[in-house]
Protein backbone atom coordinates (compact mmCIF):
# COMPACT_ATOMS: atom_id res chain seq x y z
CA MET A 1 100.44 -45.42 77.50
CA HIS A 2 98.45 -44.17 74.48
CA SER A 3 97.71 -46.54 71.64
CA TRP A 4 98.44 -45.65 68.02
CA SER A 5 95.24 -43.58 68.03
CA GLN A 6 96.72 -41.11 70.54
CA GLY A 7 93.32 -40.40 72.09
CA TYR A 8 91.57 -39.84 68.74
CA VAL A 9 88.22 -41.51 67.98
CA THR A 10 88.99 -44.44 65.66
CA ASP A 11 86.22 -47.00 66.23
CA ILE A 12 84.19 -45.17 63.56
CA SER A 13 85.46 -43.50 60.40
CA TYR A 14 85.15 -39.76 59.86
CA THR A 15 82.36 -38.30 57.73
CA LYS A 16 82.67 -38.19 53.96
CA GLY A 17 82.70 -34.39 53.85
CA TYR A 18 84.24 -31.93 51.43
CA TYR A 19 85.80 -28.62 52.56
CA SER A 20 86.30 -25.90 49.97
CA THR A 21 88.77 -23.94 52.13
CA LEU A 22 91.31 -26.64 51.24
CA ASN A 23 91.18 -25.69 47.55
CA PRO A 24 94.43 -23.78 46.84
CA LEU A 25 92.81 -21.74 44.04
CA ARG A 26 91.01 -19.70 46.71
CA ILE A 27 94.31 -18.40 48.07
CA LYS A 28 94.70 -15.99 45.15
CA LEU A 29 91.65 -13.88 45.91
CA CYS A 30 92.10 -14.06 49.70
CA PHE A 31 95.73 -12.95 49.48
CA LEU A 32 95.05 -10.10 47.06
CA ALA A 33 92.23 -8.88 49.31
CA GLN A 34 94.87 -8.58 52.05
CA GLY A 35 97.49 -6.99 49.77
CA LEU A 36 99.72 -10.08 49.65
CA MET A 37 101.43 -11.90 46.79
CA PRO A 38 99.75 -15.30 46.20
CA PRO A 39 102.16 -18.25 46.15
CA LYS A 40 102.79 -20.44 43.12
CA ILE A 41 101.83 -23.96 44.15
CA LYS A 42 103.42 -27.08 42.67
CA ASN A 43 103.51 -29.45 45.67
CA ALA A 44 100.81 -29.59 48.32
CA CYS A 45 100.03 -31.72 51.37
CA GLU A 46 97.03 -32.37 53.62
CA LEU A 47 97.67 -33.57 57.17
CA GLY A 48 94.86 -35.64 58.70
CA PHE A 49 92.69 -35.88 55.59
CA GLY A 50 89.85 -37.97 57.09
CA GLN A 51 88.10 -39.84 54.28
CA GLY A 52 90.16 -37.91 51.73
CA ILE A 53 87.30 -36.39 49.73
CA SER A 54 88.85 -32.90 49.63
CA LEU A 55 92.28 -34.40 49.00
CA ASN A 56 91.03 -36.41 46.02
CA PHE A 57 89.06 -33.50 44.60
CA ASN A 58 92.11 -31.24 44.84
CA ALA A 59 94.31 -33.87 43.21
CA THR A 60 92.27 -33.68 39.99
CA ASN A 61 94.31 -30.56 39.11
CA PRO A 62 97.34 -32.19 37.43
CA THR A 63 99.53 -29.07 37.80
CA ILE A 64 99.77 -29.70 41.57
CA THR A 65 101.23 -32.88 43.06
CA TRP A 66 99.33 -33.78 46.22
CA TYR A 67 100.46 -35.78 49.25
CA GLY A 68 98.47 -36.66 52.34
CA THR A 69 98.53 -38.75 55.48
CA ASP A 70 95.89 -39.91 57.94
CA PHE A 71 96.91 -42.41 60.59
CA ASN A 72 93.55 -44.22 60.45
CA PRO A 73 94.27 -47.10 58.00
CA SER A 74 90.64 -47.54 56.92
CA GLN A 75 90.39 -43.86 56.01
CA ALA A 76 93.70 -43.96 54.15
CA ALA A 77 92.50 -47.06 52.27
CA PHE A 78 89.29 -45.30 51.22
CA ALA A 79 91.23 -42.24 50.04
CA ARG A 80 93.54 -44.47 48.00
CA HIS A 81 90.50 -46.27 46.56
CA LEU A 82 89.12 -42.97 45.25
CA SER A 83 92.50 -42.00 43.77
CA GLU A 84 92.67 -45.33 41.93
CA ILE A 85 89.21 -44.64 40.46
CA SER A 86 90.11 -41.12 39.31
CA GLN A 87 93.64 -42.24 38.28
CA THR A 88 95.30 -39.11 39.68
CA SER A 89 98.91 -39.11 40.87
CA LEU A 90 97.86 -38.67 44.51
CA ASN A 91 100.28 -39.93 47.17
CA VAL A 92 98.40 -41.38 50.17
CA TYR A 93 99.89 -42.62 53.46
CA ASP A 94 98.61 -43.83 56.84
CA ASP A 95 101.60 -42.46 58.77
CA SER A 96 101.52 -40.54 62.00
CA PHE A 97 102.85 -37.01 61.58
CA GLU A 98 106.11 -38.09 63.20
CA GLU A 99 106.49 -40.99 60.75
CA PHE A 100 105.49 -38.80 57.82
CA LEU A 101 108.27 -36.35 58.65
CA ASN A 102 110.85 -39.10 58.11
CA ARG A 103 109.67 -39.92 54.60
CA ASP A 104 111.50 -38.66 51.53
CA LEU A 105 109.09 -35.85 50.64
CA PRO A 106 109.48 -32.71 48.54
CA GLU A 107 109.27 -29.20 49.95
CA PHE A 108 105.65 -28.09 49.93
CA ASP A 109 104.20 -24.79 48.76
CA PHE A 110 100.89 -25.46 50.53
CA ILE A 111 100.11 -27.51 53.64
CA CYS A 112 96.55 -27.73 54.98
CA LEU A 113 94.88 -29.08 58.12
CA HIS A 114 91.11 -29.01 58.54
CA GLY A 115 89.82 -29.25 62.10
CA ILE A 116 92.32 -31.77 63.43
CA TYR A 117 94.45 -29.13 65.15
CA SER A 118 91.81 -28.87 67.90
CA TRP A 119 91.56 -32.65 68.26
CA VAL A 120 95.18 -33.66 68.89
CA SER A 121 97.50 -33.40 71.88
CA TYR A 122 100.17 -30.74 72.46
CA LYS A 123 102.83 -33.36 71.61
CA VAL A 124 101.20 -34.04 68.24
CA ARG A 125 100.88 -30.30 67.58
CA GLU A 126 104.62 -30.04 68.20
CA GLN A 127 105.14 -32.74 65.56
CA ILE A 128 102.94 -30.77 63.16
CA ALA A 129 105.01 -27.64 63.80
CA GLU A 130 108.22 -29.59 63.17
CA PHE A 131 106.81 -31.01 59.93
CA ILE A 132 105.85 -27.54 58.72
CA SER A 133 109.19 -26.10 59.80
CA LYS A 134 111.12 -28.71 57.81
CA LYS A 135 108.83 -29.31 54.83
CA LEU A 136 107.26 -25.93 53.96
CA ARG A 137 109.14 -23.95 51.31
CA TYR A 138 109.87 -20.29 52.00
CA GLY A 139 106.97 -18.27 50.62
CA GLY A 140 104.73 -21.26 51.29
CA VAL A 141 101.30 -21.16 52.92
CA VAL A 142 99.63 -23.21 55.64
CA MET A 143 95.85 -23.34 55.98
CA VAL A 144 94.78 -24.37 59.46
CA SER A 145 91.22 -24.45 60.78
CA TYR A 146 90.44 -24.86 64.46
CA ASN A 147 87.88 -24.38 67.22
CA THR A 148 88.02 -20.99 68.93
CA GLN A 149 87.25 -19.82 72.44
CA GLY A 150 84.87 -17.10 71.29
CA GLY A 151 82.18 -19.67 70.56
CA TRP A 152 83.26 -22.69 72.61
CA ALA A 153 84.30 -21.22 75.99
CA ALA A 154 80.77 -21.00 77.42
CA ILE A 155 79.88 -24.55 76.41
CA SER A 156 83.18 -26.26 77.35
CA PRO A 157 81.88 -27.61 80.73
CA LEU A 158 78.91 -29.17 78.95
CA ARG A 159 81.16 -30.67 76.28
CA ASP A 160 83.33 -32.20 79.02
CA LEU A 161 80.22 -33.68 80.65
CA ILE A 162 79.05 -35.13 77.32
CA ARG A 163 82.39 -36.87 76.91
CA ALA A 164 82.42 -38.15 80.50
CA TYR A 165 78.85 -39.46 80.20
CA SER A 166 79.68 -41.14 76.90
CA ASN A 167 82.78 -42.80 78.33
CA TYR A 168 81.55 -43.85 81.79
CA ILE A 169 77.75 -44.16 81.67
CA THR A 170 76.74 -45.46 78.24
CA PRO A 171 76.85 -49.26 77.77
CA VAL A 172 80.19 -50.84 76.88
CA GLY A 173 80.35 -52.03 73.29
CA GLN A 174 78.38 -49.21 71.70
CA THR A 175 80.12 -47.17 69.00
CA SER A 176 81.38 -43.66 69.74
CA SER A 177 78.63 -42.19 67.55
CA VAL A 178 75.85 -43.84 69.59
CA ARG A 179 77.50 -43.03 72.93
CA THR A 180 78.00 -39.37 71.97
CA ARG A 181 74.37 -38.97 70.89
CA GLU A 182 73.23 -40.42 74.24
CA GLY A 183 75.57 -38.00 76.03
CA LEU A 184 74.07 -35.05 74.14
CA GLU A 185 70.54 -36.22 74.96
CA PHE A 186 71.53 -36.38 78.63
CA ILE A 187 72.76 -32.78 78.48
CA GLU A 188 69.53 -31.66 76.83
CA GLU A 189 67.60 -33.30 79.68
CA PHE A 190 69.79 -31.51 82.22
CA MET A 191 69.27 -28.11 80.52
CA LYS A 192 65.52 -28.39 81.21
CA LEU A 193 66.11 -28.44 84.99
CA PRO A 194 65.68 -25.24 87.04
CA SER A 195 69.31 -25.50 88.20
CA ALA A 196 70.50 -25.12 84.61
CA GLU A 197 69.12 -21.58 84.49
CA THR A 198 72.33 -20.27 86.10
CA ILE A 199 74.40 -21.28 83.06
CA THR A 200 71.83 -20.92 80.30
CA ASN A 201 72.35 -18.16 77.74
CA PRO A 202 71.46 -17.70 74.04
CA GLN A 203 74.94 -18.75 72.91
CA ILE A 204 74.76 -22.09 74.73
CA SER A 205 71.22 -22.73 73.47
CA SER A 206 72.27 -21.96 69.90
CA MET A 207 75.34 -24.20 70.11
CA LEU A 208 73.32 -27.11 71.52
CA GLN A 209 70.78 -26.73 68.71
CA THR A 210 73.62 -26.80 66.19
CA LEU A 211 75.16 -29.91 67.77
CA ASN A 212 71.79 -31.65 67.86
CA LYS A 213 71.44 -31.28 64.07
CA MET A 214 74.88 -32.76 63.38
CA ASP A 215 75.59 -36.20 62.01
CA ASN A 216 76.32 -38.73 64.80
CA THR A 217 79.71 -39.57 63.30
CA TYR A 218 80.78 -35.93 63.23
CA LEU A 219 79.51 -35.46 66.79
CA ALA A 220 81.73 -38.28 68.04
CA HIS A 221 84.85 -36.73 66.52
CA GLU A 222 83.92 -33.23 67.68
CA LEU A 223 82.99 -34.10 71.26
CA CYS A 224 84.61 -37.39 72.30
CA ASN A 225 88.24 -37.11 71.31
CA GLU A 226 90.52 -37.16 74.34
CA ASN A 227 91.92 -33.80 73.23
CA GLN A 228 89.44 -31.01 72.60
CA VAL A 229 91.13 -27.63 72.47
CA ALA A 230 89.46 -24.31 71.67
CA PHE A 231 92.18 -21.75 70.99
CA ASN A 232 92.33 -18.01 71.14
CA PHE A 233 94.25 -16.26 68.38
CA LEU A 234 97.25 -15.50 70.60
CA GLN A 235 97.71 -19.19 71.39
CA ILE A 236 97.49 -20.21 67.75
CA GLY A 237 99.93 -17.46 66.79
CA GLU A 238 102.49 -18.64 69.33
CA GLU A 239 102.26 -22.22 68.05
CA MET A 240 102.53 -21.15 64.42
CA GLU A 241 105.61 -19.08 65.25
CA ARG A 242 107.38 -22.31 66.19
CA ALA A 243 107.12 -23.23 62.52
CA LYS A 244 108.38 -19.77 61.42
CA LEU A 245 104.94 -18.70 60.25
CA GLN A 246 103.20 -15.35 60.37
CA PHE A 247 99.52 -14.64 59.95
CA GLY A 248 98.56 -14.08 56.33
CA THR A 249 94.81 -13.67 56.03
CA TYR A 250 91.46 -15.40 56.40
CA ALA A 251 90.73 -18.57 54.40
CA SER A 252 86.97 -18.05 54.68
CA PHE A 253 85.65 -15.42 52.27
CA SER A 254 82.99 -14.28 54.75
CA ASP A 255 85.66 -13.34 57.30
CA HIS A 256 86.97 -10.73 54.86
CA LEU A 257 83.62 -8.93 55.21
CA SER A 258 83.71 -8.48 58.99
CA ASN A 259 83.68 -4.67 58.90
CA ILE A 260 80.40 -4.37 57.01
CA GLN A 261 78.74 -6.59 59.65
CA LEU A 262 79.85 -4.54 62.69
CA SER A 263 78.33 -1.48 64.32
CA GLU A 264 80.13 1.85 64.27
CA GLN A 265 81.05 1.43 67.95
CA GLU A 266 82.47 -2.05 67.33
CA ARG A 267 84.53 -0.86 64.36
CA GLU A 268 85.87 2.05 66.42
CA MET A 269 86.91 -0.28 69.24
CA LEU A 270 88.66 -2.64 66.84
CA GLN A 271 90.42 0.30 65.22
CA ARG A 272 91.89 1.27 68.61
CA VAL A 273 93.71 -2.09 68.86
CA SER A 274 94.36 -2.66 65.15
CA TYR A 275 98.13 -2.30 65.54
CA SER A 276 98.14 -5.59 67.51
CA ARG A 277 96.95 -8.48 65.35
CA PRO A 278 96.44 -10.91 68.29
CA VAL A 279 94.34 -8.44 70.31
CA TYR A 280 92.38 -7.40 67.20
CA GLU A 281 91.50 -10.99 66.25
CA MET A 282 90.70 -12.05 69.82
CA LEU A 283 88.37 -9.07 70.25
CA LYS A 284 86.69 -9.72 66.89
CA ASP A 285 86.16 -13.41 67.74
CA LEU A 286 84.40 -12.36 70.95
CA MET A 287 82.23 -9.86 69.08
CA PHE A 288 81.07 -12.58 66.68
CA ALA A 289 81.17 -15.43 69.23
CA THR A 290 83.32 -17.24 66.66
CA SER A 291 83.43 -21.00 67.24
CA PHE A 292 85.58 -22.00 64.24
CA ARG A 293 88.24 -20.26 62.17
CA SER A 294 90.12 -21.04 58.98
CA ASP A 295 93.29 -19.00 58.47
CA TYR A 296 96.26 -18.82 56.12
CA TRP A 297 99.71 -18.60 57.71
CA VAL A 298 102.75 -17.73 55.61
CA ARG A 299 106.47 -18.35 55.72
CA GLY A 300 107.72 -15.05 54.36
CA ALA A 301 104.76 -12.93 53.22
CA VAL A 302 105.36 -10.46 50.37
CA SER A 303 103.25 -7.30 50.39
CA LEU A 304 101.97 -5.75 47.16
CA SER A 305 100.96 -2.19 46.37
CA ILE A 306 97.39 -1.42 45.28
CA PRO A 307 98.42 -1.15 41.59
CA GLN A 308 100.25 -4.48 41.86
CA CYS A 309 97.20 -6.08 43.49
CA MET A 310 94.93 -4.71 40.77
CA GLU A 311 97.23 -6.10 38.07
CA GLU A 312 97.06 -9.58 39.61
CA LEU A 313 93.33 -9.36 40.38
CA LEU A 314 92.47 -8.58 36.76
CA LYS A 315 94.14 -11.84 35.67
CA LEU A 316 91.73 -13.97 37.71
CA ARG A 317 88.65 -15.61 36.23
CA VAL A 318 85.31 -16.24 37.89
CA VAL A 319 82.18 -18.17 36.93
CA LEU A 320 78.54 -17.94 37.98
CA THR A 321 77.67 -21.29 39.63
CA VAL A 322 73.89 -20.86 40.00
CA PRO A 323 71.14 -20.41 37.40
CA TYR A 324 70.90 -16.76 36.37
CA SER A 325 67.18 -16.78 37.24
CA GLN A 326 68.04 -17.51 40.88
CA ILE A 327 70.32 -14.57 41.58
CA ASN A 328 69.34 -12.07 44.26
CA TYR A 329 70.88 -9.09 45.97
CA THR A 330 71.03 -10.23 49.59
CA LEU A 331 74.00 -11.54 51.55
CA ASN A 332 73.55 -13.74 54.63
CA THR A 333 76.04 -12.91 57.37
CA ARG A 334 76.57 -13.78 61.02
CA ARG A 335 74.76 -10.56 61.88
CA GLY A 336 71.76 -11.05 59.62
CA VAL A 337 70.95 -10.24 55.99
CA LEU A 338 72.68 -7.42 54.14
CA ASN A 339 71.36 -5.85 50.94
CA LEU A 340 73.77 -5.53 48.03
CA ASN A 341 73.73 -2.45 45.79
CA GLU A 342 71.74 -3.72 42.80
CA ASN A 343 73.01 -0.93 40.52
CA PHE A 344 76.56 -2.13 41.10
CA TYR A 345 76.03 -5.90 41.16
CA ALA A 346 73.46 -6.29 38.36
CA PRO A 347 76.05 -5.61 35.60
CA ILE A 348 78.32 -8.25 37.12
CA PHE A 349 75.58 -10.88 37.06
CA GLU A 350 74.62 -9.79 33.55
CA LEU A 351 78.15 -10.48 32.30
CA LEU A 352 78.31 -13.85 34.08
CA LYS A 353 74.84 -15.12 33.19
CA GLU A 354 76.05 -17.77 30.69
CA ASN A 355 77.81 -19.72 33.49
CA VAL A 356 81.16 -19.69 31.70
CA PRO A 357 84.46 -18.29 33.07
CA VAL A 358 84.95 -14.54 32.66
CA GLU A 359 88.14 -12.59 33.36
CA VAL A 360 87.97 -10.01 36.12
CA VAL A 361 89.38 -7.43 33.72
CA GLN A 362 86.19 -7.86 31.65
CA ILE A 363 84.07 -7.32 34.75
CA LYS A 364 85.94 -4.11 35.56
CA GLU A 365 85.53 -2.81 32.00
CA HIS A 366 81.85 -3.78 31.92
CA LEU A 367 81.17 -2.06 35.25
CA SER A 368 82.99 1.09 34.14
CA LYS A 369 80.91 1.23 30.97
CA LYS A 370 77.60 0.65 32.76
CA LEU A 371 78.28 3.01 35.68
CA LYS A 372 80.13 5.58 33.56
CA ARG A 373 83.02 5.89 36.01
CA GLU A 374 86.32 4.28 36.96
CA ILE A 375 86.13 1.21 39.21
CA VAL A 376 88.66 1.33 42.06
CA TYR A 377 90.44 -1.67 43.53
CA ASN A 378 88.72 -1.79 46.93
CA GLU A 379 85.18 -1.88 45.53
CA LEU A 380 86.10 -4.48 42.91
CA VAL A 381 87.79 -6.86 45.34
CA GLU A 382 85.00 -6.38 47.91
CA ALA A 383 82.41 -7.27 45.27
CA LEU A 384 84.27 -10.44 44.33
CA ILE A 385 84.68 -11.40 47.98
CA ALA A 386 80.97 -10.75 48.66
CA LEU A 387 79.82 -12.89 45.71
CA THR A 388 82.21 -15.74 46.51
CA SER A 389 81.07 -15.58 50.14
CA LYS A 390 77.50 -15.74 48.84
CA GLU A 391 78.63 -18.83 46.87
CA CYS A 392 77.00 -17.75 43.64
CA ILE A 393 80.35 -17.25 41.91
CA LYS A 394 83.64 -19.14 42.24
CA LEU A 395 87.15 -18.66 40.96
CA ALA A 396 87.74 -20.52 37.68
CA GLN A 397 90.83 -22.41 36.59
CA ASP A 398 92.71 -21.79 33.33
CA ASP A 399 91.29 -23.44 30.20
CA GLU A 400 94.28 -25.76 29.93
CA VAL A 401 93.91 -26.87 33.55
CA ILE A 402 90.17 -27.41 33.04
CA ALA A 403 90.79 -29.59 29.99
CA ASN A 404 93.49 -31.62 31.72
CA SER A 405 91.45 -32.02 34.93
CA LYS A 406 88.28 -33.19 33.22
CA PRO A 407 89.19 -36.89 32.72
CA TYR A 408 89.91 -37.20 36.45
CA THR A 409 86.80 -35.32 37.59
CA GLN A 410 84.52 -37.25 35.25
CA ARG A 411 85.77 -40.60 36.52
CA LEU A 412 85.20 -39.48 40.11
CA ASN A 413 81.75 -38.06 39.39
CA ALA A 414 80.66 -41.18 37.50
CA HIS A 415 81.70 -43.28 40.50
CA ILE A 416 79.87 -41.03 42.99
CA LEU A 417 76.68 -41.12 40.91
CA GLN A 418 76.86 -44.90 40.60
CA GLU A 419 77.31 -45.31 44.37
CA ALA A 420 74.38 -42.96 45.05
CA LEU A 421 72.15 -45.69 43.62
CA LYS A 422 73.26 -48.11 46.32
CA THR A 423 73.53 -46.05 49.49
CA PRO A 424 72.14 -42.77 50.83
CA ASP A 425 75.27 -42.12 52.91
CA TYR A 426 78.04 -41.96 50.33
CA ILE A 427 79.64 -38.76 48.97
CA HIS A 428 77.22 -35.86 48.55
CA HIS A 429 79.40 -33.73 46.27
CA LEU A 430 80.40 -33.65 42.63
CA ILE A 431 83.66 -32.04 41.50
CA SER A 432 83.86 -29.32 38.83
CA PRO A 433 86.97 -29.15 36.64
CA VAL A 434 86.10 -25.50 35.99
CA THR A 435 86.40 -24.40 39.62
CA GLY A 436 88.38 -27.29 41.06
CA GLU A 437 85.78 -27.35 43.85
CA GLY A 438 83.05 -29.68 44.95
CA VAL A 439 79.39 -28.73 44.88
CA VAL A 440 77.03 -30.29 47.40
CA LEU A 441 74.07 -32.32 46.09
CA ASN A 442 71.72 -34.33 48.24
CA ARG A 443 70.88 -37.96 47.48
CA PHE A 444 67.86 -37.15 45.32
CA GLU A 445 69.70 -34.50 43.34
CA LEU A 446 72.42 -37.06 42.60
CA LEU A 447 69.79 -39.57 41.48
CA PHE A 448 68.18 -36.99 39.19
CA VAL A 449 71.57 -36.23 37.63
CA TYR A 450 72.00 -39.97 37.10
CA ALA A 451 68.52 -40.11 35.54
CA TYR A 452 69.39 -37.25 33.19
CA LEU A 453 72.58 -38.99 32.06
CA ASN A 454 70.65 -42.19 31.37
CA LYS A 455 67.45 -40.73 29.87
CA GLY A 456 68.81 -37.53 28.35
CA LYS A 457 66.52 -34.52 28.05
CA LYS A 458 63.39 -36.63 27.78
CA ALA A 459 60.68 -36.19 30.39
CA GLY A 460 60.14 -38.79 33.06
CA TRP A 461 63.17 -38.38 35.32
CA ALA A 462 60.89 -38.58 38.37
CA ASP A 463 59.50 -41.95 37.21
CA TYR A 464 63.03 -43.20 36.61
CA VAL A 465 64.12 -42.16 40.11
CA TYR A 466 60.99 -43.75 41.58
CA GLU A 467 61.90 -47.04 39.90
CA LEU A 468 65.44 -46.79 41.26
CA LEU A 469 64.19 -46.23 44.80
CA SER A 470 61.57 -48.97 44.53
CA SER A 471 64.13 -51.49 43.29
CA HIS A 472 66.08 -50.91 46.52
CA LYS A 473 62.87 -50.84 48.62
CA GLU A 474 63.64 -47.30 49.79
CA LYS A 475 61.00 -44.90 51.06
CA ILE A 476 60.95 -41.10 51.24
CA ILE A 477 60.51 -39.59 54.68
CA LYS A 478 59.21 -36.00 54.69
CA GLU A 479 58.68 -34.04 57.89
CA GLY A 480 58.87 -37.28 59.87
CA LYS A 481 56.23 -39.04 57.76
CA GLU A 482 56.80 -41.93 55.35
CA LEU A 483 55.24 -41.00 52.01
CA ASN A 484 52.92 -43.40 50.18
CA GLU A 485 53.26 -44.16 46.46
CA ASN A 486 51.21 -41.20 45.20
CA GLU A 487 52.87 -38.78 47.63
CA THR A 488 56.31 -40.10 46.66
CA LYS A 489 55.64 -39.59 42.95
CA ALA A 490 54.33 -36.08 43.59
CA GLU A 491 57.39 -35.21 45.68
CA LEU A 492 59.76 -36.56 43.02
CA ALA A 493 57.90 -34.63 40.29
CA SER A 494 58.43 -31.47 42.34
CA GLN A 495 62.13 -32.27 42.74
CA GLU A 496 62.43 -32.87 39.00
CA GLU A 497 61.18 -29.36 38.22
CA LYS A 498 63.77 -27.88 40.56
CA ILE A 499 66.70 -29.86 39.20
CA LYS A 500 65.84 -29.12 35.54
CA GLU A 501 66.98 -25.54 35.97
CA TRP A 502 70.32 -26.70 37.38
CA ILE A 503 71.23 -29.33 34.78
CA PRO A 504 72.49 -26.78 32.19
CA VAL A 505 74.62 -25.15 34.93
CA PHE A 506 76.06 -28.55 35.91
CA GLU A 507 76.94 -29.15 32.24
CA LYS A 508 78.71 -25.78 32.00
CA LEU A 509 80.62 -26.60 35.20
CA GLY A 510 81.80 -29.85 33.61
CA PHE A 511 80.25 -32.32 36.05
CA PHE A 512 79.61 -34.74 33.17
């Protein structure tokens, strides 16, 4: 008989990560890129929210009422703790999905699941399907992310061996994170043997390198859950159909740019099977060796014409989220670096350089004026997708939503900055009321932001951060070497120069 954990790793809590694909604002651009009507979202729900960072960040938008459940009580308690700090109206539970279904809940316009779908049993996935079937409003959207066979199939035997070694060889009493790391080290030792040459290939080597860089806590959840399922698109589609869902579009902006990353022969082959969505997606996942997907599924998709899409697209707002001096015209993809047309993209950056929200209609008009021609829908939406994929621009919320979100985001950010003084392993994101999204900052960047807020624009942030670190007897390790006092001060002075350029952007994004 399974315990309440149902085979899920629970002796250690999940990582304190933030996942931007859970932000419902992104749906608008993704849906319009696919020619679909974006939903209007009033009630939303996250199933299996982990530490609840994304859930709490999303709940700072007061126009959407958020609910969430995670059956790990310590994780639910932490999520509730954050909501009490921000003072949002977030509804947090530690129910199983079966228990959650029996609560008196509203119909949801948006339900999201990040990663957990690959880590739970078929019985639990049936409960998820039943929850969606009964609680998702018609026209509603589900975002589900999951491991895929394209990237995991070759390494599955090794993953099974890691789990077996962790469970049966490592000493009893060690945490899952320690046991998983020892299992991975055992596999790395095995891969150096001559006998491993029969299974070695670049994909396996790349995946092992990726796993080796991961946080121990994440490794334990990724590799040591009793259920570890890598799906193909046909399997996911069949399970989503049980909840009356059809495929909508990709939740990851980069996935909308697949065609520009493929060779002519690959595009031609995909075109031959394009009338079958399952075959098309399965083939594409093999071409890219995709190991993880994030997709939107819809209950009752509504298609729009190109003029209708353009009308909706022009209503959106975007904001430049990096210093203007740091823009470039390259795009990193799974197939290498692509060069963007500077003549086309330079006017966009020029209009956005003040780091304040700009309507897409202004971008279209500005481009038309600069290029002396009409801008068509496909090139405009592709440009927006490319720049959001590049993560130098993000969708911006309405001014009223920004103003009403700010008290919640500022309370959360103040808390995160305060905790950064005490521990290096807290939350490494701040939330912007402008975009409704988190932005990743490492420990030192958080400390420099704290220094700025306490010392203002005066010089000497590096000295202030040095005093903070010294008071906690913390040392800086760089390239495996512990820095001495002079080296530490020099490193912090270098970090100060880098962060100075970002502080005005952070102010424009409403971090403080």
